[in-house]
């Protein structure tokens, strides 16, 4: 995987060694629980869309594990969303 990061770094003028993140960012204000949950699900499902795992919680570096009651590699405090009835 380090070879892929190295290739990406060498082929972009804004980086000289390794490139892990995409160029550019588009920050958005998290204005509701629904919006937060949408973004969290998007992030958790990235390894599934990439074909690396079958379920989000199977990816060892994902906080999806914590949200499923499993232990992730990095300790987090999952955000508890209150569902409005």
PDB file of N, CA and C in Angstrom:
ATOM      1  N   UNK A   1       0.825  -1.179   0.000  1.00  0.00           N
ATOM      2  CA  UNK A   1       0.000   0.000   0.000  1.00  0.00           C
ATOM      3  C   UNK A   1       0.876   1.252   0.000  1.00  0.00           C
ATOM      4  N   UNK A   2       2.004   1.171   0.671  1.00  0.00           N
ATOM      5  CA  UNK A   2       2.922   2.308   0.704  1.00  0.00           C
ATOM      6  C   UNK A   2       3.385   2.665  -0.715  1.00  0.00           C
ATOM      7  N   UNK A   3       3.523   1.646  -1.578  1.00  0.00           N
ATOM      8  CA  UNK A   3       3.899   1.908  -2.970  1.00  0.00           C
ATOM      9  C   UNK A   3       2.840   2.758  -3.670  1.00  0.00           C
ATOM     10  N   UNK A   4       1.556   2.484  -3.388  1.00  0.00           N
ATOM     11  CA  UNK A   4       0.473   3.268  -3.996  1.00  0.00           C
ATOM     12  C   UNK A   4       0.510   4.714  -3.524  1.00  0.00           C
ATOM     13  N   UNK A   5       0.751   4.917  -2.229  1.00  0.00           N
ATOM     14  CA  UNK A   5       0.840   6.280  -1.693  1.00  0.00           C
ATOM     15  C   UNK A   5       2.043   7.011  -2.298  1.00  0.00           C
ATOM     16  N   UNK A   6       3.135   6.286  -2.492  1.00  0.00           N
ATOM     17  CA  UNK A   6       4.322   6.868  -3.105  1.00  0.00           C
ATOM     18  C   UNK A   6       4.068   7.261  -4.551  1.00  0.00           C
ATOM     19  N   UNK A   7       3.410   6.395  -5.304  1.00  0.00           N
ATOM     20  CA  UNK A   7       3.080   6.695  -6.696  1.00  0.00           C
ATOM     21  C   UNK A   7       2.189   7.929  -6.773  1.00  0.00           C
ATOM     22  N   UNK A   8       1.162   7.971  -5.915  1.00  0.00           N
ATOM     23  CA  UNK A   8       0.252   9.122  -5.902  1.00  0.00           C
ATOM     24  C   UNK A   8       0.998  10.396  -5.538  1.00  0.00           C
ATOM     25  N   UNK A   9       1.944  10.316  -4.628  1.00  0.00           N
ATOM     26  CA  UNK A   9       2.718  11.493  -4.233  1.00  0.00           C
ATOM     27  C   UNK A   9       3.623  11.993  -5.332  1.00  0.00           C
ATOM     28  N   UNK A  10       4.235  11.075  -6.074  1.00  0.00           N
ATOM     29  CA  UNK A  10       5.158  11.464  -7.140  1.00  0.00           C
ATOM     30  C   UNK A  10       4.439  12.022  -8.368  1.00  0.00           C
ATOM     31  N   UNK A  11       3.158  11.702  -8.517  1.00  0.00           N
ATOM     32  CA  UNK A  11       2.436  12.127  -9.724  1.00  0.00           C
ATOM     33  C   UNK A  11       1.619  13.393  -9.510  1.00  0.00           C
ATOM     34  N   UNK A  12       1.715  14.014  -8.346  1.00  0.00           N
ATOM     35  CA  UNK A  12       0.998  15.255  -8.088  1.00  0.00           C
ATOM     36  C   UNK A  12       1.996  16.346  -7.707  1.00  0.00           C
ATOM     37  N   UNK A  13       1.870  17.499  -8.324  1.00  0.00           N
ATOM     38  CA  UNK A  13       2.826  18.575  -8.094  1.00  0.00           C
ATOM     39  C   UNK A  13       2.729  19.178  -6.700  1.00  0.00           C
ATOM     40  N   UNK A  14       1.603  18.993  -6.018  1.00  0.00           N
ATOM     41  CA  UNK A  14       1.447  19.587  -4.685  1.00  0.00           C
ATOM     42  C   UNK A  14       2.031  18.703  -3.583  1.00  0.00           C
ATOM     43  N   UNK A  15       2.698  17.618  -3.953  1.00  0.00           N
ATOM     44  CA  UNK A  15       3.227  16.678  -2.982  1.00  0.00           C
ATOM     45  C   UNK A  15       4.518  16.099  -3.540  1.00  0.00           C
ATOM     46  N   UNK A  16       5.487  15.780  -2.670  1.00  0.00           N
ATOM     47  CA  UNK A  16       6.748  15.259  -3.193  1.00  0.00           C
ATOM     48  C   UNK A  16       7.029  13.810  -2.806  1.00  0.00           C
ATOM     49  N   UNK A  17       6.449  13.310  -1.715  1.00  0.00           N
ATOM     50  CA  UNK A  17       6.776  11.962  -1.274  1.00  0.00           C
ATOM     51  C   UNK A  17       5.582  11.008  -1.356  1.00  0.00           C
ATOM     52  N   UNK A  18       4.643  11.187  -0.452  1.00  0.00           N
ATOM     53  CA  UNK A  18       3.495  10.294  -0.379  1.00  0.00           C
ATOM     54  C   UNK A  18       2.213  11.112  -0.368  1.00  0.00           C
ATOM     55  N   UNK A  19       1.152  10.528  -0.888  1.00  0.00           N
ATOM     56  CA  UNK A  19      -0.141  11.200  -0.887  1.00  0.00           C
ATOM     57  C   UNK A  19      -1.169  10.210  -0.379  1.00  0.00           C
ATOM     58  N   UNK A  20      -1.829  10.574   0.704  1.00  0.00           N
ATOM     59  CA  UNK A  20      -2.839   9.715   1.305  1.00  0.00           C
ATOM     60  C   UNK A  20      -4.232  10.274   1.063  1.00  0.00           C
ATOM     61  N   UNK A  21      -4.406  11.588   1.261  1.00  0.00           N
ATOM     62  CA  UNK A  21      -5.707  12.243   1.111  1.00  0.00           C
ATOM     63  C   UNK A  21      -5.851  12.815  -0.292  1.00  0.00           C
ATOM     64  N   UNK A  22      -7.091  12.982  -0.722  1.00  0.00           N
ATOM     65  CA  UNK A  22      -7.360  13.667  -1.978  1.00  0.00           C
ATOM     66  C   UNK A  22      -6.987  15.138  -1.849  1.00  0.00           C
ATOM     67  N   UNK A  23      -6.675  15.750  -2.970  1.00  0.00           N
ATOM     68  CA  UNK A  23      -6.408  17.182  -2.968  1.00  0.00           C
ATOM     69  C   UNK A  23      -7.724  17.937  -2.783  1.00  0.00           C
ATOM     70  N   UNK A  24      -7.620  19.060  -2.101  1.00  0.00           N
ATOM     71  CA  UNK A  24      -8.807  19.897  -1.912  1.00  0.00           C
ATOM     72  C   UNK A  24      -9.678  19.410  -0.772  1.00  0.00           C
ATOM     73  N   UNK A  25     -10.449  20.314  -0.259  1.00  0.00           N
ATOM     74  CA  UNK A  25     -11.418  19.940   0.768  1.00  0.00           C
ATOM     75  C   UNK A  25     -12.643  20.833   0.619  1.00  0.00           C
ATOM     76  N   UNK A  26     -13.724  20.358   1.120  1.00  0.00           N
ATOM     77  CA  UNK A  26     -14.986  21.081   1.036  1.00  0.00           C
ATOM     78  C   UNK A  26     -15.675  20.995   2.390  1.00  0.00           C
ATOM     79  N   UNK A  27     -15.233  21.787   3.353  1.00  0.00           N
ATOM     80  CA  UNK A  27     -15.825  21.708   4.687  1.00  0.00           C
ATOM     81  C   UNK A  27     -17.306  22.080   4.650  1.00  0.00           C
ATOM     82  N   UNK A  28     -18.074  21.368   5.441  1.00  0.00           N
ATOM     83  CA  UNK A  28     -19.497  21.640   5.543  1.00  0.00           C
ATOM     84  C   UNK A  28     -19.885  21.688   7.012  1.00  0.00           C
ATOM     85  N   UNK A  29     -20.768  22.589   7.330  1.00  0.00           N
ATOM     86  CA  UNK A  29     -21.277  22.713   8.686  1.00  0.00           C
ATOM     87  C   UNK A  29     -22.214  21.545   8.977  1.00  0.00           C
ATOM     88  N   UNK A  30     -21.994  20.865  10.083  1.00  0.00           N
ATOM     89  CA  UNK A  30     -22.881  19.780  10.499  1.00  0.00           C
ATOM     90  C   UNK A  30     -24.038  20.440  11.246  1.00  0.00           C
ATOM     91  N   UNK A  31     -25.158  20.532  10.576  1.00  0.00           N
ATOM     92  CA  UNK A  31     -26.272  21.323  11.087  1.00  0.00           C
ATOM     93  C   UNK A  31     -27.407  20.504  11.680  1.00  0.00           C
ATOM     94  N   UNK A  32     -27.332  19.182  11.576  1.00  0.00           N
ATOM     95  CA  UNK A  32     -28.399  18.360  12.155  1.00  0.00           C
ATOM     96  C   UNK A  32     -27.881  16.952  12.416  1.00  0.00           C
ATOM     97  N   UNK A  33     -28.596  16.236  13.274  1.00  0.00           N
ATOM     98  CA  UNK A  33     -28.256  14.830  13.532  1.00  0.00           C
ATOM     99  C   UNK A  33     -28.354  14.006  12.255  1.00  0.00           C
ATOM    100  N   UNK A  34     -29.349  14.297  11.440  1.00  0.00           N
ATOM    101  CA  UNK A  34     -29.545  13.542  10.196  1.00  0.00           C
ATOM    102  C   UNK A  34     -28.348  13.740   9.261  1.00  0.00           C
ATOM    103  N   UNK A  35     -27.877  14.982   9.154  1.00  0.00           N
ATOM    104  CA  UNK A  35     -26.726  15.283   8.299  1.00  0.00           C
ATOM    105  C   UNK A  35     -25.473  14.596   8.833  1.00  0.00           C
ATOM    106  N   UNK A  36     -25.273  14.632  10.155  1.00  0.00           N
ATOM    107  CA  UNK A  36     -24.132  13.966  10.783  1.00  0.00           C
ATOM    108  C   UNK A  36     -24.168  12.470  10.488  1.00  0.00           C
ATOM    109  N   UNK A  37     -25.332  11.858  10.679  1.00  0.00           N
ATOM    110  CA  UNK A  37     -25.470  10.421  10.457  1.00  0.00           C
ATOM    111  C   UNK A  37     -25.201  10.070   8.992  1.00  0.00           C
ATOM    112  N   UNK A  38     -25.659  10.915   8.077  1.00  0.00           N
ATOM    113  CA  UNK A  38     -25.416  10.698   6.655  1.00  0.00           C
ATOM    114  C   UNK A  38     -23.913  10.700   6.368  1.00  0.00           C
ATOM    115  N   UNK A  39     -23.187  11.665   6.900  1.00  0.00           N
ATOM    116  CA  UNK A  39     -21.749  11.765   6.653  1.00  0.00           C
ATOM    117  C   UNK A  39     -20.990  10.624   7.327  1.00  0.00           C
ATOM    118  N   UNK A  40     -21.410  10.251   8.532  1.00  0.00           N
ATOM    119  CA  UNK A  40     -20.771   9.143   9.240  1.00  0.00           C
ATOM    120  C   UNK A  40     -20.947   7.844   8.464  1.00  0.00           C
ATOM    121  N   UNK A  41     -22.147   7.596   7.973  1.00  0.00           N
ATOM    122  CA  UNK A  41     -22.394   6.389   7.175  1.00  0.00           C
ATOM    123  C   UNK A  41     -21.576   6.392   5.891  1.00  0.00           C
ATOM    124  N   UNK A  42     -21.459   7.558   5.274  1.00  0.00           N
ATOM    125  CA  UNK A  42     -20.649   7.675   4.056  1.00  0.00           C
ATOM    126  C   UNK A  42     -19.196   7.280   4.344  1.00  0.00           C
ATOM    127  N   UNK A  43     -18.646   7.825   5.416  1.00  0.00           N
ATOM    128  CA  UNK A  43     -17.261   7.520   5.790  1.00  0.00           C
ATOM    129  C   UNK A  43     -17.102   6.042   6.131  1.00  0.00           C
ATOM    130  N   UNK A  44     -18.024   5.513   6.920  1.00  0.00           N
ATOM    131  CA  UNK A  44     -17.938   4.108   7.323  1.00  0.00           C
ATOM    132  C   UNK A  44     -18.047   3.163   6.130  1.00  0.00           C
ATOM    133  N   UNK A  45     -18.779   3.549   5.098  1.00  0.00           N
ATOM    134  CA  UNK A  45     -18.981   2.664   3.947  1.00  0.00           C
ATOM    135  C   UNK A  45     -17.907   2.794   2.873  1.00  0.00           C
ATOM    136  N   UNK A  46     -16.969   3.723   3.017  1.00  0.00           N
ATOM    137  CA  UNK A  46     -15.904   3.865   2.023  1.00  0.00           C
ATOM    138  C   UNK A  46     -15.108   2.575   1.805  1.00  0.00           C
ATOM    139  N   UNK A  47     -14.681   1.863   2.854  1.00  0.00           N
ATOM    140  CA  UNK A  47     -13.927   0.619   2.614  1.00  0.00           C
ATOM    141  C   UNK A  47     -14.774  -0.463   1.940  1.00  0.00           C
ATOM    142  N   UNK A  48     -16.082  -0.426   2.153  1.00  0.00           N
ATOM    143  CA  UNK A  48     -16.982  -1.382   1.494  1.00  0.00           C
ATOM    144  C   UNK A  48     -17.054  -1.058   0.006  1.00  0.00           C
ATOM    145  N   UNK A  49     -17.249   0.222  -0.324  1.00  0.00           N
ATOM    146  CA  UNK A  49     -17.307   0.640  -1.726  1.00  0.00           C
ATOM    147  C   UNK A  49     -15.996   0.356  -2.456  1.00  0.00           C
ATOM    148  N   UNK A  50     -14.887   0.447  -1.737  1.00  0.00           N
ATOM    149  CA  UNK A  50     -13.577   0.172  -2.342  1.00  0.00           C
ATOM    150  C   UNK A  50     -13.343  -1.327  -2.543  1.00  0.00           C
ATOM    151  N   UNK A  51     -14.200  -2.155  -1.949  1.00  0.00           N
ATOM    152  CA  UNK A  51     -14.050  -3.602  -2.095  1.00  0.00           C
ATOM    153  C   UNK A  51     -13.056  -4.220  -1.130  1.00  0.00           C
ATOM    154  N   UNK A  52     -12.677  -3.471  -0.097  1.00  0.00           N
ATOM    155  CA  UNK A  52     -11.699  -3.997   0.859  1.00  0.00           C
ATOM    156  C   UNK A  52     -12.332  -4.908   1.894  1.00  0.00           C
ATOM    157  N   UNK A  53     -13.584  -4.650   2.247  1.00  0.00           N
ATOM    158  CA  UNK A  53     -14.296  -5.441   3.251  1.00  0.00           C
ATOM    159  C   UNK A  53     -15.740  -5.605   2.812  1.00  0.00           C
ATOM    160  N   UNK A  54     -16.443  -6.541   3.464  1.00  0.00           N
ATOM    161  CA  UNK A  54     -17.857  -6.729   3.147  1.00  0.00           C
ATOM    162  C   UNK A  54     -18.757  -5.859   4.005  1.00  0.00           C
ATOM    163  N   UNK A  55     -18.356  -5.617   5.245  1.00  0.00           N
ATOM    164  CA  UNK A  55     -19.133  -4.806   6.175  1.00  0.00           C
ATOM    165  C   UNK A  55     -18.240  -3.697   6.729  1.00  0.00           C
ATOM    166  N   UNK A  56     -18.798  -2.506   6.996  1.00  0.00           N
ATOM    167  CA  UNK A  56     -17.977  -1.401   7.503  1.00  0.00           C
ATOM    168  C   UNK A  56     -17.189  -1.762   8.763  1.00  0.00           C
ATOM    169  N   UNK A  57     -17.782  -2.530   9.655  1.00  0.00           N
ATOM    170  CA  UNK A  57     -17.109  -2.863  10.909  1.00  0.00           C
ATOM    171  C   UNK A  57     -15.966  -3.864  10.726  1.00  0.00           C
ATOM    172  N   UNK A  58     -15.831  -4.444   9.538  1.00  0.00           N
ATOM    173  CA  UNK A  58     -14.727  -5.367   9.265  1.00  0.00           C
ATOM    174  C   UNK A  58     -13.411  -4.632   9.012  1.00  0.00           C
ATOM    175  N   UNK A  59     -13.484  -3.342   8.696  1.00  0.00           N
ATOM    176  CA  UNK A  59     -12.276  -2.568   8.423  1.00  0.00           C
ATOM    177  C   UNK A  59     -11.656  -2.136   9.754  1.00  0.00           C
ATOM    178  N   UNK A  60     -10.453  -2.626  10.028  1.00  0.00           N
ATOM    179  CA  UNK A  60      -9.836  -2.441  11.339  1.00  0.00           C
ATOM    180  C   UNK A  60      -9.594  -0.988  11.717  1.00  0.00           C
ATOM    181  N   UNK A  61      -9.434  -0.105  10.742  1.00  0.00           N
ATOM    182  CA  UNK A  61      -9.121   1.292  11.027  1.00  0.00           C
ATOM    183  C   UNK A  61     -10.373   2.173  11.099  1.00  0.00           C
ATOM    184  N   UNK A  62     -11.552   1.571  11.114  1.00  0.00           N
ATOM    185  CA  UNK A  62     -12.796   2.335  11.072  1.00  0.00           C
ATOM    186  C   UNK A  62     -13.461   2.433  12.440  1.00  0.00           C
ATOM    187  N   UNK A  63     -14.042   3.597  12.696  1.00  0.00           N
ATOM    188  CA  UNK A  63     -14.831   3.755  13.922  1.00  0.00           C
ATOM    189  C   UNK A  63     -16.152   3.001  13.827  1.00  0.00           C
ATOM    190  N   UNK A  64     -16.480   2.476  12.656  1.00  0.00           N
ATOM    191  CA  UNK A  64     -17.696   1.665  12.513  1.00  0.00           C
ATOM    192  C   UNK A  64     -17.651   0.485  13.484  1.00  0.00           C
ATOM    193  N   UNK A  65     -16.474   0.006  13.783  1.00  0.00           N
ATOM    194  CA  UNK A  65     -16.331  -1.100  14.743  1.00  0.00           C
ATOM    195  C   UNK A  65     -16.873  -0.687  16.107  1.00  0.00           C
ATOM    196  N   UNK A  66     -16.524   0.522  16.547  1.00  0.00           N
ATOM    197  CA  UNK A  66     -16.980   1.016  17.851  1.00  0.00           C
ATOM    198  C   UNK A  66     -18.499   1.170  17.879  1.00  0.00           C
ATOM    199  N   UNK A  67     -19.069   1.610  16.763  1.00  0.00           N
ATOM    200  CA  UNK A  67     -20.517   1.784  16.694  1.00  0.00           C
ATOM    201  C   UNK A  67     -21.254   0.450  16.683  1.00  0.00           C
ATOM    202  N   UNK A  68     -20.541  -0.640  16.384  1.00  0.00           N
ATOM    203  CA  UNK A  68     -21.139  -1.975  16.416  1.00  0.00           C
ATOM    204  C   UNK A  68     -20.787  -2.747  17.687  1.00  0.00           C
ATOM    205  N   UNK A  69     -20.186  -2.057  18.648  1.00  0.00           N
ATOM    206  CA  UNK A  69     -19.848  -2.695  19.918  1.00  0.00           C
ATOM    207  C   UNK A  69     -18.551  -3.481  19.885  1.00  0.00           C
ATOM    208  N   UNK A  70     -17.769  -3.330  18.815  1.00  0.00           N
ATOM    209  CA  UNK A  70     -16.475  -3.991  18.710  1.00  0.00           C
ATOM    210  C   UNK A  70     -15.392  -3.004  19.112  1.00  0.00           C
ATOM    211  N   UNK A  71     -14.203  -3.511  19.315  1.00  0.00           N
ATOM    212  CA  UNK A  71     -13.099  -2.629  19.685  1.00  0.00           C
ATOM    213  C   UNK A  71     -12.312  -2.262  18.444  1.00  0.00           C
ATOM    214  N   UNK A  72     -12.162  -0.965  18.204  1.00  0.00           N
ATOM    215  CA  UNK A  72     -11.353  -0.489  17.092  1.00  0.00           C
ATOM    216  C   UNK A  72      -9.912  -0.337  17.525  1.00  0.00           C
ATOM    217  N   UNK A  73      -9.052   0.010  16.593  1.00  0.00           N
ATOM    218  CA  UNK A  73      -7.637   0.196  16.907  1.00  0.00           C
ATOM    219  C   UNK A  73      -7.386   1.499  17.649  1.00  0.00           C
ATOM    220  N   UNK A  74      -8.267   2.477  17.446  1.00  0.00           N
ATOM    221  CA  UNK A  74      -8.159   3.768  18.120  1.00  0.00           C
ATOM    222  C   UNK A  74      -9.389   3.934  18.995  1.00  0.00           C
ATOM    223  N   UNK A  75      -9.173   4.229  20.260  1.00  0.00           N
ATOM    224  CA  UNK A  75     -10.301   4.388  21.177  1.00  0.00           C
ATOM    225  C   UNK A  75     -11.060   5.677  20.865  1.00  0.00           C
ATOM    226  N   UNK A  76     -12.357   5.558  20.692  1.00  0.00           N
ATOM    227  CA  UNK A  76     -13.194   6.733  20.437  1.00  0.00           C
ATOM    228  C   UNK A  76     -14.399   6.700  21.364  1.00  0.00           C
ATOM    229  N   UNK A  77     -15.057   7.833  21.464  1.00  0.00           N
ATOM    230  CA  UNK A  77     -16.344   7.924  22.141  1.00  0.00           C
ATOM    231  C   UNK A  77     -17.399   8.114  21.068  1.00  0.00           C
ATOM    232  N   UNK A  78     -18.127   7.043  20.714  1.00  0.00           N
ATOM    233  CA  UNK A  78     -19.141   7.188  19.653  1.00  0.00           C
ATOM    234  C   UNK A  78     -20.166   8.259  20.028  1.00  0.00           C
ATOM    235  N   UNK A  79     -20.602   9.000  19.015  1.00  0.00           N
ATOM    236  CA  UNK A  79     -21.629  10.017  19.198  1.00  0.00           C
ATOM    237  C   UNK A  79     -22.976   9.297  19.234  1.00  0.00           C
ATOM    238  N   UNK A  80     -23.745   9.582  20.271  1.00  0.00           N
ATOM    239  CA  UNK A  80     -25.074   8.993  20.388  1.00  0.00           C
ATOM    240  C   UNK A  80     -26.082  10.001  19.865  1.00  0.00           C
ATOM    241  N   UNK A  81     -26.794   9.616  18.832  1.00  0.00           N
ATOM    242  CA  UNK A  81     -27.807  10.483  18.259  1.00  0.00           C
ATOM    243  C   UNK A  81     -29.152  10.159  18.890  1.00  0.00           C
ATOM    244  N   UNK A  82     -29.874  11.182  19.231  1.00  0.00           N
ATOM    245  CA  UNK A  82     -31.204  10.994  19.829  1.00  0.00           C
ATOM    246  C   UNK A  82     -32.232  11.044  18.704  1.00  0.00           C
ATOM    247  N   UNK A  83     -32.926   9.941  18.519  1.00  0.00           N
ATOM    248  CA  UNK A  83     -33.953   9.879  17.493  1.00  0.00           C
ATOM    249  C   UNK A  83     -35.205  10.583  17.977  1.00  0.00           C
ATOM    250  N   UNK A  84     -35.667  11.539  17.208  1.00  0.00           N
ATOM    251  CA  UNK A  84     -36.898  12.252  17.554  1.00  0.00           C
ATOM    252  C   UNK A  84     -38.088  11.441  17.065  1.00  0.00           C
ATOM    253  N   UNK A  85     -39.039  11.253  17.955  1.00  0.00           N
ATOM    254  CA  UNK A  85     -40.213  10.439  17.612  1.00  0.00           C
ATOM    255  C   UNK A  85     -41.360  11.318  17.228  1.00  0.00           C
TER     256      UNK A  85
END
